[in-house]
Protein backbone atom coordinates (compact mmCIF):
# COMPACT_ATOMS: atom_id res chain seq x y z
CA MET A 1 -25.43 -20.99 24.80
CA ASN A 2 -27.91 -19.56 27.32
CA SER A 3 -27.91 -15.91 27.59
CA GLU A 4 -26.60 -16.01 31.52
CA ALA A 5 -23.35 -17.26 29.83
CA ILE A 6 -23.20 -15.56 27.15
CA ASN A 7 -22.82 -12.20 30.04
CA LYS A 8 -20.47 -14.34 32.38
CA ARG A 9 -18.30 -14.52 29.59
CA PRO A 10 -14.91 -13.10 29.47
CA ARG A 11 -15.24 -10.04 27.39
CA HIS A 12 -11.95 -11.01 25.13
CA SER A 13 -12.24 -14.81 25.25
CA PHE A 14 -11.95 -16.20 21.95
CA GLN A 15 -14.17 -18.73 20.43
CA THR A 16 -14.22 -20.61 16.82
CA ASP A 17 -15.58 -23.54 15.06
CA ASP A 18 -12.24 -23.97 13.74
CA PRO A 19 -9.73 -26.17 15.76
CA GLN A 20 -6.73 -25.09 13.44
CA LEU A 21 -7.37 -21.60 14.79
CA GLU A 22 -7.44 -22.41 18.88
CA PRO A 23 -3.58 -22.68 18.55
CA ILE A 24 -3.06 -20.10 16.65
CA ALA A 25 -5.10 -17.79 18.44
CA ASP A 26 -3.07 -18.93 21.31
CA LYS A 27 -0.03 -17.67 20.28
CA VAL A 28 -1.64 -14.07 19.19
CA GLN A 29 -2.46 -14.02 22.39
CA ARG A 30 0.98 -14.25 24.15
CA GLY A 31 2.57 -11.99 21.50
CA GLU A 32 4.51 -15.00 19.57
CA ARG A 33 5.43 -14.51 16.00
CA LEU A 34 3.28 -17.02 13.35
CA SER A 35 4.82 -19.33 11.01
CA PHE A 36 4.48 -20.32 7.67
CA ASP A 37 1.77 -23.27 8.56
CA ASP A 38 0.12 -20.09 10.73
CA GLY A 39 -0.56 -18.60 7.98
CA VAL A 40 -1.84 -21.13 5.04
CA ALA A 41 -4.14 -22.06 8.04
CA LEU A 42 -5.49 -18.61 8.79
CA TYR A 43 -5.98 -18.27 4.81
CA ARG A 44 -7.62 -21.49 4.53
CA SER A 45 -10.20 -20.78 7.48
CA GLY A 46 -14.04 -20.56 6.69
CA ASP A 47 -14.46 -18.66 10.65
CA ILE A 48 -13.50 -14.88 9.12
CA LEU A 49 -15.00 -13.63 12.30
CA ALA A 50 -12.23 -15.39 14.66
CA VAL A 51 -9.56 -14.38 12.70
CA GLY A 52 -10.46 -10.75 12.30
CA TRP A 53 -10.88 -10.92 15.82
CA MET A 54 -7.29 -12.01 16.46
CA ALA A 55 -6.38 -8.74 13.88
CA ASN A 56 -8.26 -6.50 16.00
CA LEU A 57 -6.57 -7.80 19.13
CA VAL A 58 -3.08 -6.95 17.30
CA ARG A 59 -3.92 -4.10 16.10
CA GLU A 60 -5.92 -2.42 19.27
CA ARG A 61 -2.16 -3.29 20.88
CA LEU A 62 -0.36 -1.97 18.62
CA HIS A 63 -3.15 2.08 17.91
CA GLY A 64 -6.00 1.52 20.38
CA ASP A 65 -8.53 2.92 18.51
CA LEU A 66 -6.73 5.26 16.26
CA ALA A 67 -7.24 4.93 12.76
CA TYR A 68 -4.70 6.72 10.48
CA PHE A 69 -5.52 8.79 6.97
CA ASN A 70 -3.58 11.77 5.32
CA VAL A 71 -4.55 14.42 2.64
CA ASN A 72 -2.37 13.51 -0.64
CA ARG A 73 -2.25 14.30 -4.17
CA HIS A 74 -1.29 11.55 -6.87
CA ILE A 75 1.00 12.50 -9.80
CA ASN A 76 1.20 9.52 -12.28
CA PRO A 77 3.80 11.27 -14.92
CA THR A 78 3.54 8.78 -17.96
CA ASN A 79 1.48 5.99 -18.37
CA VAL A 80 4.08 4.65 -21.53
CA CYS A 81 5.54 1.47 -20.19
CA VAL A 82 8.12 -0.58 -21.98
CA ALA A 83 7.13 -3.72 -19.69
CA SER A 84 3.70 -5.61 -21.02
CA CYS A 85 2.22 -6.87 -17.90
CA ARG A 86 -0.83 -8.80 -18.17
CA LEU A 87 -1.79 -7.87 -14.42
CA CYS A 88 -1.70 -3.74 -15.80
CA ALA A 89 -4.76 -1.93 -17.26
CA PHE A 90 -2.80 1.54 -17.19
CA GLY A 91 0.89 1.46 -19.30
CA ARG A 92 0.64 1.73 -22.55
CA LYS A 93 3.25 1.40 -25.51
CA LYS A 94 4.91 4.16 -26.71
CA GLY A 95 2.95 5.58 -30.01
CA ALA A 96 -0.01 4.15 -29.05
CA ALA A 97 -2.90 6.58 -29.74
CA ASP A 98 -3.94 7.11 -25.96
CA THR A 99 -0.01 7.51 -24.45
CA TYR A 100 0.58 11.02 -22.19
CA THR A 101 3.89 12.42 -20.72
CA MET A 102 3.52 15.30 -18.83
CA ALA A 103 5.47 17.58 -19.40
CA LEU A 104 7.35 19.35 -16.34
CA GLU A 105 5.39 22.68 -16.37
CA GLU A 106 2.06 20.56 -16.97
CA ALA A 107 3.17 17.90 -13.27
CA TRP A 108 3.97 21.18 -11.09
CA GLU A 109 0.61 22.50 -12.14
CA THR A 110 -1.36 19.64 -11.79
CA ALA A 111 0.34 19.18 -8.48
CA GLY A 112 -0.76 22.44 -7.19
CA LYS A 113 -4.66 21.39 -8.18
CA GLY A 114 -4.56 19.16 -5.19
CA LEU A 115 -3.45 21.81 -3.13
CA THR A 116 -7.02 23.02 -1.95
CA GLU A 117 -7.06 20.96 0.97
CA ALA A 118 -3.17 21.92 2.12
CA VAL A 119 -1.66 18.80 1.40
CA THR A 120 1.09 17.29 2.73
CA GLU A 121 1.89 14.28 0.73
CA PHE A 122 2.33 14.21 -2.97
CA HIS A 123 2.72 10.47 -4.46
CA ILE A 124 4.36 9.93 -7.52
CA VAL A 125 4.37 6.56 -9.88
CA GLY A 126 4.17 5.78 -13.66
CA GLY A 127 5.44 4.03 -16.21
CA LEU A 128 8.71 3.24 -17.02
CA HIS A 129 9.15 5.39 -19.98
CA PRO A 130 12.03 4.08 -22.30
CA ASP A 131 13.36 7.96 -23.29
CA LEU A 132 13.14 10.33 -19.99
CA PRO A 133 16.19 10.55 -19.12
CA PHE A 134 16.92 10.04 -15.30
CA GLU A 135 17.04 13.57 -14.89
CA TYR A 136 13.47 14.24 -16.09
CA PHE A 137 12.27 12.35 -13.42
CA MET A 138 14.79 14.44 -10.65
CA ASP A 139 13.38 17.67 -12.21
CA LEU A 140 10.01 17.03 -11.70
CA VAL A 141 10.93 16.36 -7.94
CA ARG A 142 13.40 19.70 -7.53
CA GLY A 143 10.32 21.64 -9.22
CA LEU A 144 7.83 20.48 -6.67
CA LYS A 145 10.44 21.20 -3.51
CA ASP A 146 10.92 24.27 -4.96
CA ARG A 147 7.47 25.31 -4.99
CA TYR A 148 6.05 23.11 -2.61
CA PRO A 149 8.63 23.01 0.08
CA GLN A 150 6.09 22.23 3.09
CA VAL A 151 4.99 18.58 1.46
CA HIS A 152 6.75 15.47 1.59
CA ILE A 153 7.44 13.67 -1.79
CA LYS A 154 6.92 9.75 -1.73
CA ALA A 155 8.28 9.15 -5.45
CA PHE A 156 8.88 5.78 -6.79
CA THR A 157 8.91 2.18 -6.86
CA MET A 158 11.18 -0.38 -6.30
CA VAL A 159 10.89 -1.23 -10.05
CA GLU A 160 10.94 2.46 -10.89
CA ILE A 161 14.22 2.77 -9.67
CA ALA A 162 15.60 -0.48 -10.87
CA PHE A 163 14.83 0.93 -14.24
CA LEU A 164 16.05 4.60 -13.69
CA ALA A 165 19.41 3.35 -12.58
CA LYS A 166 19.92 0.87 -15.49
CA ARG A 167 18.75 3.69 -18.00
CA GLY A 168 20.71 5.96 -16.38
CA LYS A 169 23.94 3.92 -16.08
CA MET A 170 24.92 3.79 -12.74
CA THR A 171 24.13 1.63 -9.53
CA ILE A 172 20.70 1.54 -7.79
CA GLU A 173 22.55 3.49 -4.59
CA GLU A 174 23.59 6.09 -7.06
CA ALA A 175 20.27 6.62 -8.44
CA LEU A 176 19.12 6.68 -4.49
CA GLU A 177 21.53 9.58 -3.57
CA ARG A 178 20.75 10.92 -6.05
CA MET A 179 16.72 11.30 -5.88
CA LYS A 180 17.57 11.58 -2.20
CA ALA A 181 19.53 15.13 -3.34
CA ALA A 182 16.64 16.22 -5.73
CA GLY A 183 14.22 16.25 -3.29
CA VAL A 184 12.66 12.28 -2.91
CA ASP A 185 11.56 11.76 0.87
CA SER A 186 10.15 8.18 0.89
CA CYS A 187 9.26 5.59 -1.76
CA PRO A 188 6.01 4.22 -2.61
CA GLY A 189 5.66 0.15 -2.46
CA GLY A 190 4.14 -0.88 -5.48
CA GLY A 191 5.48 -3.43 -8.04
CA ALA A 192 6.06 -6.05 -5.57
CA GLU A 193 2.83 -8.11 -6.67
CA ILE A 194 3.45 -11.49 -5.61
CA PHE A 195 7.34 -12.36 -5.59
CA ALA A 196 6.16 -16.49 -6.17
CA ASP A 197 8.71 -17.38 -9.87
CA ARG A 198 6.18 -18.93 -11.06
CA VAL A 199 3.39 -16.36 -10.47
CA ARG A 200 5.74 -13.66 -11.78
CA HIS A 201 6.54 -14.89 -15.03
CA ILE A 202 2.94 -14.88 -15.63
CA ILE A 203 1.42 -11.55 -14.39
CA CYS A 204 4.44 -9.52 -14.50
CA ASP A 205 7.42 -11.17 -16.20
CA HIS A 206 8.63 -7.85 -17.55
CA LYS A 207 9.65 -6.52 -14.43
CA ILE A 208 12.22 -6.95 -12.01
CA ASP A 209 12.14 -10.61 -10.05
CA GLY A 210 10.73 -10.51 -6.50
CA GLY A 211 14.18 -11.38 -4.88
CA GLU A 212 15.43 -7.66 -7.20
CA TRP A 213 12.60 -6.12 -5.36
CA LEU A 214 13.62 -7.03 -1.88
CA ASP A 215 17.26 -6.26 -2.46
CA THR A 216 15.63 -2.61 -4.00
CA ALA A 217 13.86 -2.02 -1.06
CA ARG A 218 17.48 -3.72 1.10
CA LEU A 219 19.34 -0.81 -0.59
CA THR A 220 16.54 1.98 -0.44
CA HIS A 221 16.24 1.53 3.31
CA LYS A 222 19.89 1.50 4.10
CA ALA A 223 20.22 5.04 1.89
CA GLY A 224 18.34 6.14 4.92
CA LEU A 225 14.70 6.74 2.67
CA ARG A 226 11.82 4.54 3.81
CA SER A 227 9.10 3.05 1.73
CA ASN A 228 6.23 1.37 1.46
CA ALA A 229 5.32 -2.47 1.02
CA THR A 230 2.53 -4.29 -1.11
CA MET A 231 1.12 -7.43 -2.77
CA LEU A 232 -1.19 -7.85 -5.19
CA TYR A 233 -3.49 -10.48 -4.59
CA GLY A 234 -7.21 -11.84 -5.83
CA HIS A 235 -5.09 -13.49 -9.41
CA ILE A 236 -3.70 -16.23 -10.25
CA GLU A 237 -2.10 -16.85 -6.44
CA ASN A 238 -2.55 -19.46 -4.17
CA ASP A 239 -2.57 -19.02 -0.41
CA GLU A 240 0.99 -20.63 0.29
CA ASP A 241 2.44 -17.71 -2.32
CA ARG A 242 0.65 -15.12 -0.01
CA VAL A 243 2.04 -16.47 2.86
CA ASP A 244 6.06 -16.63 1.47
CA HIS A 245 5.10 -13.47 -0.15
CA LEU A 246 4.82 -11.91 3.07
CA LEU A 247 7.33 -13.57 5.57
CA LYS A 248 9.77 -12.75 2.84
CA LEU A 249 8.63 -8.78 3.87
CA ARG A 250 8.65 -9.73 7.21
CA ALA A 251 12.52 -10.99 7.01
CA VAL A 252 13.32 -7.80 5.10
CA GLN A 253 11.85 -6.48 8.11
CA ASP A 254 13.86 -7.55 10.81
CA GLU A 255 17.09 -6.79 8.51
CA THR A 256 16.23 -3.23 7.79
CA GLY A 257 13.13 -1.54 9.80
CA GLY A 258 12.24 0.02 7.01
CA PHE A 259 8.86 -0.39 5.79
CA GLN A 260 6.34 2.05 7.23
CA THR A 261 2.90 0.34 5.65
CA PHE A 262 1.85 -2.80 4.76
CA ILE A 263 -0.74 -2.06 1.63
CA PRO A 264 -2.43 -5.16 0.28
CA LEU A 265 -4.29 -4.52 -2.92
CA SER A 266 -6.70 -6.46 -4.86
CA PHE A 267 -6.24 -7.41 -8.43
CA HIS A 268 -8.51 -5.40 -10.52
CA PRO A 269 -9.16 -7.51 -13.65
CA GLU A 270 -10.86 -5.45 -15.83
CA ASN A 271 -9.02 -4.06 -18.99
CA THR A 272 -6.22 -6.24 -18.50
CA ALA A 273 -5.07 -9.26 -19.97
CA LEU A 274 -6.19 -11.18 -16.97
CA GLY A 275 -9.76 -9.96 -17.87
CA HIS A 276 -11.33 -13.07 -17.84
CA LEU A 277 -10.76 -13.90 -13.69
CA PRO A 278 -12.81 -12.59 -11.31
CA LYS A 279 -12.80 -10.15 -9.00
CA SER A 280 -11.98 -10.19 -5.43
CA SER A 281 -14.61 -11.38 -3.22
CA GLY A 282 -15.30 -9.00 0.22
CA MET A 283 -14.19 -11.63 2.26
CA THR A 284 -10.85 -12.18 0.26
CA ASP A 285 -10.11 -8.40 0.83
CA ILE A 286 -11.25 -8.31 4.39
CA LYS A 287 -9.32 -11.97 4.81
CA GLN A 288 -5.83 -10.42 3.32
CA ILE A 289 -5.99 -7.51 5.88
CA ALA A 290 -6.72 -9.61 9.04
CA VAL A 291 -3.75 -12.30 7.72
CA SER A 292 -1.41 -9.32 6.89
CA ARG A 293 -1.72 -8.21 10.51
CA LEU A 294 -1.12 -10.90 11.81
CA LEU A 295 1.80 -11.97 9.98
CA LEU A 296 3.56 -8.78 9.78
CA ASP A 297 4.18 -8.44 13.53
CA ASN A 298 7.36 -6.33 12.50
CA PHE A 299 4.89 -3.67 10.84
CA ALA A 300 3.78 -1.00 12.40
CA HIS A 301 0.66 0.24 10.06
CA ILE A 302 -1.84 -1.94 7.60
CA LYS A 303 -3.50 0.01 5.35
CA SER A 304 -6.83 -0.54 4.00
CA TYR A 305 -6.52 1.44 0.36
CA TRP A 306 -10.12 2.64 -0.15
CA GLN A 307 -9.33 2.81 -3.46
CA MET A 308 -9.20 -0.44 -4.30
CA VAL A 309 -11.74 -2.31 -2.30
CA THR A 310 -14.59 0.43 -1.49
CA PRO A 311 -14.94 2.94 1.16
CA LYS A 312 -17.47 0.69 3.23
CA MET A 313 -14.58 -2.11 2.92
CA ALA A 314 -12.49 0.23 4.38
CA GLN A 315 -14.39 1.04 6.93
CA ILE A 316 -15.35 -2.47 8.05
CA SER A 317 -11.07 -3.43 7.36
CA LEU A 318 -10.61 -0.78 10.82
CA ARG A 319 -12.09 -3.93 12.77
CA PHE A 320 -10.65 -6.39 10.70
CA GLY A 321 -6.70 -5.64 11.56
CA ALA A 322 -6.62 -2.18 9.85
CA ASP A 323 -5.62 0.81 10.95
CA ASP A 324 -5.21 3.36 8.30
CA ILE A 325 -7.64 4.22 5.05
CA ASP A 326 -4.95 5.93 2.85
CA GLY A 327 -6.07 9.48 1.72
CA THR A 328 -7.55 12.08 0.09
CA VAL A 329 -5.70 11.33 -3.23
CA ILE A 330 -7.93 14.21 -5.51
CA GLU A 331 -7.07 11.96 -8.69
CA GLU A 332 -5.91 8.26 -9.49
CA LYS A 333 -5.26 7.11 -12.99
CA ILE A 334 -3.66 3.53 -12.15
CA TYR A 335 -6.28 1.48 -10.80
CA HIS A 336 -9.26 3.74 -12.37
CA ASP A 337 -7.65 2.59 -15.46
CA ALA A 338 -8.20 -1.26 -14.16
CA GLY A 339 -12.46 -0.38 -13.76
CA ALA A 340 -12.29 0.43 -10.29
CA LYS A 341 -15.66 2.12 -9.83
CA THR A 342 -14.60 4.09 -6.58
CA PRO A 343 -14.51 8.05 -6.33
CA GLN A 344 -11.20 9.69 -7.92
CA GLY A 345 -10.71 11.01 -5.04
CA LEU A 346 -12.00 11.97 -1.16
CA ARG A 347 -12.53 15.23 0.56
CA ARG A 348 -10.53 15.87 4.40
CA GLN A 349 -14.28 15.39 5.48
CA ASP A 350 -15.27 12.32 3.55
CA LEU A 351 -12.37 10.23 5.34
CA VAL A 352 -13.50 11.87 8.70
CA ARG A 353 -16.86 11.00 8.34
CA LEU A 354 -15.51 6.79 7.37
CA ILE A 355 -13.40 6.18 10.09
CA VAL A 356 -16.17 7.96 12.99
CA GLU A 357 -18.85 5.62 11.32
CA ALA A 358 -16.35 2.60 11.76
CA GLY A 359 -15.77 3.39 15.99
CA ARG A 360 -12.60 4.75 15.44
CA VAL A 361 -10.68 7.90 16.01
CA PRO A 362 -9.12 9.95 13.11
CA PHE A 363 -5.61 10.86 13.75
CA GLU A 364 -4.57 12.90 10.48
CA ARG A 365 -1.17 12.13 9.88
CA ASP A 366 1.76 13.37 7.83
CA THR A 367 3.65 10.89 5.55
CA MET A 368 5.95 9.66 8.81
CA TYR A 369 2.75 9.18 11.09
CA ARG A 370 3.11 12.44 12.88
CA ALA A 371 -0.15 14.09 13.60
CA VAL A 372 -1.17 16.95 11.87
CA THR A 373 -2.86 20.03 13.38
CA ARG A 374 -5.06 22.37 10.68
CA THR A 375 -6.08 26.09 11.32
CA GLU A 376 -8.35 27.56 8.82
CA ASP A 377 -5.52 28.08 6.28
CA SER A 378 -2.62 25.90 6.99
CA PHE A 379 -1.25 22.69 8.82
CA THR A 380 1.61 22.24 11.59
CA VAL A 381 3.18 18.48 12.05
CA ALA A 382 4.29 17.63 15.04
CA VAL A 383 8.08 16.89 15.56
């Protein structure tokens, strides 16, 4: 194509060398829902720029040039875990030399160390400890609320909720009500991994199955708690498994509307029982972001978790469907135990710089995506 023809080309025209993408692009431009077969075709296409063009179109329809981030603090209260997931480098069996369990005062003190930038969220995820009582976790949350009432507490994955309910000899509904009463404001999305039974039996056979994860999410949303959702990719799953996972999340979102953000998580094989597997490539990471944005038409936000994919890839993903790059984190254990080489945390100004350099407009949010306005020594949240 000569330069004159390029200059006359419509700014938003779609071009691809992959004919399978043309009918999908027509659907995307009309705002129609994509099918299972469409999802598989997107994953198998070699035209990442065309897939990214479609994902960016949807992203900008929803958010324009805004890119979201928050100032948060991760707290992992224990690495003792009854599960023996082959994907995990964090969990340890009771009695192992390198186990730890935070005393409550230690956990509260650790949380306080993250307030140097006026943290708006505590993100709490840990192992499935065989001995810690349900009340340990409720006391943990209550203590945080008493000390830091302005901070949103995002605590306990669907796996943890189901486990704690069983440990406490109560229904999941009862456990959720007690969690809310203690001060839990919303729930993270971890533990979903891949829903396909074939895969789950190999990588995380000791966790609740995919159907139970989805059922727990339904109950969580029914109880009035929003949650995130995740997918762990880049191990033994195939394209069909990924599409199946995304469409099952989409179906639950149709029912409940309770998922806030979807976060694709890149598998880090180092220090796990699956250490022989290769790490995901940059192409895989970017394609996962883009396909997620295209298939999850009822999810408001797609997050590129910089801790997993590196800050550089998180920047690029803001042009491939992602609208959020997560937060400052301060300290993170689970993925760094699995060999992540990214920093333990970034400062607020670092996240702003990453977003601006990507040509997007930084939007500091709280957990519920309300605008955060800062002064020198405090912050306010839009209501």
